């Protein structure tokens, strides 16, 4: 599944697609050992009466 690519501009906007870098905190060189591509999805559900 491909991530949603949309333009989020302006103050207070959070990116939908993030790249997280995983590092080994027990090693002294702290090199990146993995990268994860994550998409943020927000869902709102509202009652019919508001």
N, C-alpha and C. Protein backbone atom coordinates (compact mmCIF):
# COMPACT_ATOMS: atom_id res chain seq x y z
N UNK A 1 0.84 -1.17 0.00
CA UNK A 1 0.00 0.00 0.00
C UNK A 1 0.89 1.24 0.00
N UNK A 2 0.61 2.17 -0.87
CA UNK A 2 1.40 3.39 -0.96
C UNK A 2 0.85 4.45 0.00
N UNK A 3 1.72 5.27 0.58
CA UNK A 3 1.24 6.31 1.49
C UNK A 3 0.55 7.43 0.73
N UNK A 4 -0.30 8.15 1.43
CA UNK A 4 -0.98 9.30 0.85
C UNK A 4 0.01 10.43 0.71
N UNK A 5 0.13 10.97 -0.48
CA UNK A 5 1.05 12.09 -0.70
C UNK A 5 0.20 13.33 -0.96
N UNK A 6 0.08 14.16 0.04
CA UNK A 6 -0.66 15.40 -0.10
C UNK A 6 0.16 16.52 0.51
N UNK A 7 -0.15 17.75 0.10
CA UNK A 7 0.60 18.90 0.59
C UNK A 7 -0.05 19.40 1.87
N UNK A 8 0.71 19.41 2.95
CA UNK A 8 0.27 19.96 4.23
C UNK A 8 1.14 21.17 4.52
N UNK A 9 0.58 22.34 4.29
CA UNK A 9 1.35 23.56 4.53
C UNK A 9 0.62 24.43 5.52
N UNK A 10 1.37 25.26 6.19
CA UNK A 10 0.79 26.20 7.13
C UNK A 10 1.16 25.86 8.56
N UNK A 11 0.93 26.82 9.45
CA UNK A 11 1.28 26.60 10.85
C UNK A 11 0.38 25.54 11.49
N UNK A 12 0.96 24.71 12.31
CA UNK A 12 0.20 23.71 13.04
C UNK A 12 -0.10 22.44 12.26
N UNK A 13 0.35 22.34 11.02
CA UNK A 13 0.10 21.14 10.22
C UNK A 13 1.18 20.11 10.51
N UNK A 14 0.77 18.88 10.68
CA UNK A 14 1.71 17.80 10.91
C UNK A 14 1.84 16.98 9.63
N UNK A 15 3.03 16.51 9.32
CA UNK A 15 3.18 15.70 8.11
C UNK A 15 2.49 14.35 8.27
N UNK A 16 1.88 13.86 7.19
CA UNK A 16 1.20 12.56 7.22
C UNK A 16 2.20 11.42 7.11
N UNK A 17 3.30 11.65 6.40
CA UNK A 17 4.28 10.59 6.17
C UNK A 17 5.56 10.96 6.90
N UNK A 18 6.05 10.03 7.72
CA UNK A 18 7.27 10.25 8.50
C UNK A 18 8.27 9.13 8.24
N UNK A 19 9.55 9.45 8.32
CA UNK A 19 10.60 8.45 8.26
C UNK A 19 11.24 8.41 9.65
N UNK A 20 11.13 7.27 10.30
CA UNK A 20 11.71 7.09 11.63
C UNK A 20 13.01 6.31 11.51
N UNK A 21 14.05 6.80 12.15
CA UNK A 21 15.34 6.13 12.12
C UNK A 21 15.56 5.40 13.43
N UNK A 22 15.93 4.13 13.34
CA UNK A 22 16.18 3.29 14.51
C UNK A 22 17.68 3.16 14.70
N UNK A 23 18.13 3.46 15.92
CA UNK A 23 19.56 3.38 16.24
C UNK A 23 19.76 2.47 17.45
N UNK A 24 20.90 1.85 17.51
CA UNK A 24 21.23 1.00 18.65
C UNK A 24 21.83 1.88 19.74
N UNK A 25 21.10 2.06 20.83
CA UNK A 25 21.57 2.96 21.88
C UNK A 25 22.69 2.36 22.72
N UNK A 26 22.94 1.07 22.57
CA UNK A 26 24.01 0.42 23.33
C UNK A 26 25.37 0.52 22.64
N UNK A 27 25.39 0.94 21.39
CA UNK A 27 26.66 1.07 20.68
C UNK A 27 27.09 2.53 20.68
N UNK A 28 28.38 2.75 20.66
CA UNK A 28 28.92 4.11 20.76
C UNK A 28 28.80 4.89 19.46
N UNK A 29 28.79 4.23 18.30
CA UNK A 29 28.77 4.97 17.04
C UNK A 29 27.37 5.47 16.67
N UNK A 30 26.33 4.89 17.26
CA UNK A 30 24.94 5.33 17.06
C UNK A 30 24.55 5.41 15.58
N UNK A 31 24.98 4.45 14.79
CA UNK A 31 24.59 4.44 13.38
C UNK A 31 23.15 3.98 13.23
N UNK A 32 22.53 4.42 12.15
CA UNK A 32 21.15 4.02 11.85
C UNK A 32 21.17 2.56 11.41
N UNK A 33 20.34 1.73 12.06
CA UNK A 33 20.28 0.32 11.70
C UNK A 33 19.01 -0.02 10.91
N UNK A 34 18.02 0.88 10.93
CA UNK A 34 16.80 0.66 10.16
C UNK A 34 16.07 1.98 9.98
N UNK A 35 15.27 2.05 8.93
CA UNK A 35 14.40 3.20 8.69
C UNK A 35 12.99 2.68 8.46
N UNK A 36 12.03 3.33 9.09
CA UNK A 36 10.63 2.94 8.96
C UNK A 36 9.85 4.08 8.33
N UNK A 37 9.04 3.76 7.34
CA UNK A 37 8.16 4.73 6.72
C UNK A 37 6.78 4.54 7.33
N UNK A 38 6.26 5.62 7.96
CA UNK A 38 5.01 5.54 8.71
C UNK A 38 4.06 6.62 8.20
N UNK A 39 2.79 6.26 8.03
CA UNK A 39 1.78 7.24 7.66
C UNK A 39 0.82 7.43 8.81
N UNK A 40 0.58 8.70 9.15
CA UNK A 40 -0.36 9.05 10.22
C UNK A 40 -1.75 9.14 9.62
N UNK A 41 -2.71 8.51 10.28
CA UNK A 41 -4.09 8.56 9.82
C UNK A 41 -4.96 8.98 10.99
N UNK A 42 -5.82 9.96 10.75
CA UNK A 42 -6.70 10.47 11.79
C UNK A 42 -8.14 10.21 11.37
N UNK A 43 -8.93 9.69 12.31
CA UNK A 43 -10.32 9.42 12.02
C UNK A 43 -11.18 10.06 13.11
N UNK A 44 -12.21 10.76 12.70
CA UNK A 44 -13.13 11.38 13.64
C UNK A 44 -14.50 10.73 13.49
N UNK A 45 -15.09 10.38 14.61
CA UNK A 45 -16.45 9.87 14.61
C UNK A 45 -17.28 10.77 15.50
N UNK A 46 -18.45 11.16 15.00
CA UNK A 46 -19.31 12.06 15.76
C UNK A 46 -20.70 11.45 15.87
N UNK A 47 -21.33 11.74 16.99
CA UNK A 47 -22.70 11.30 17.17
C UNK A 47 -23.64 12.10 16.29
N UNK A 48 -24.77 11.54 15.92
CA UNK A 48 -25.72 12.20 15.04
C UNK A 48 -26.29 13.48 15.67
N UNK A 49 -26.37 13.52 17.02
CA UNK A 49 -26.92 14.70 17.68
C UNK A 49 -25.87 15.77 17.97
N UNK A 50 -24.64 15.56 17.48
CA UNK A 50 -23.62 16.58 17.64
C UNK A 50 -22.70 16.32 18.76
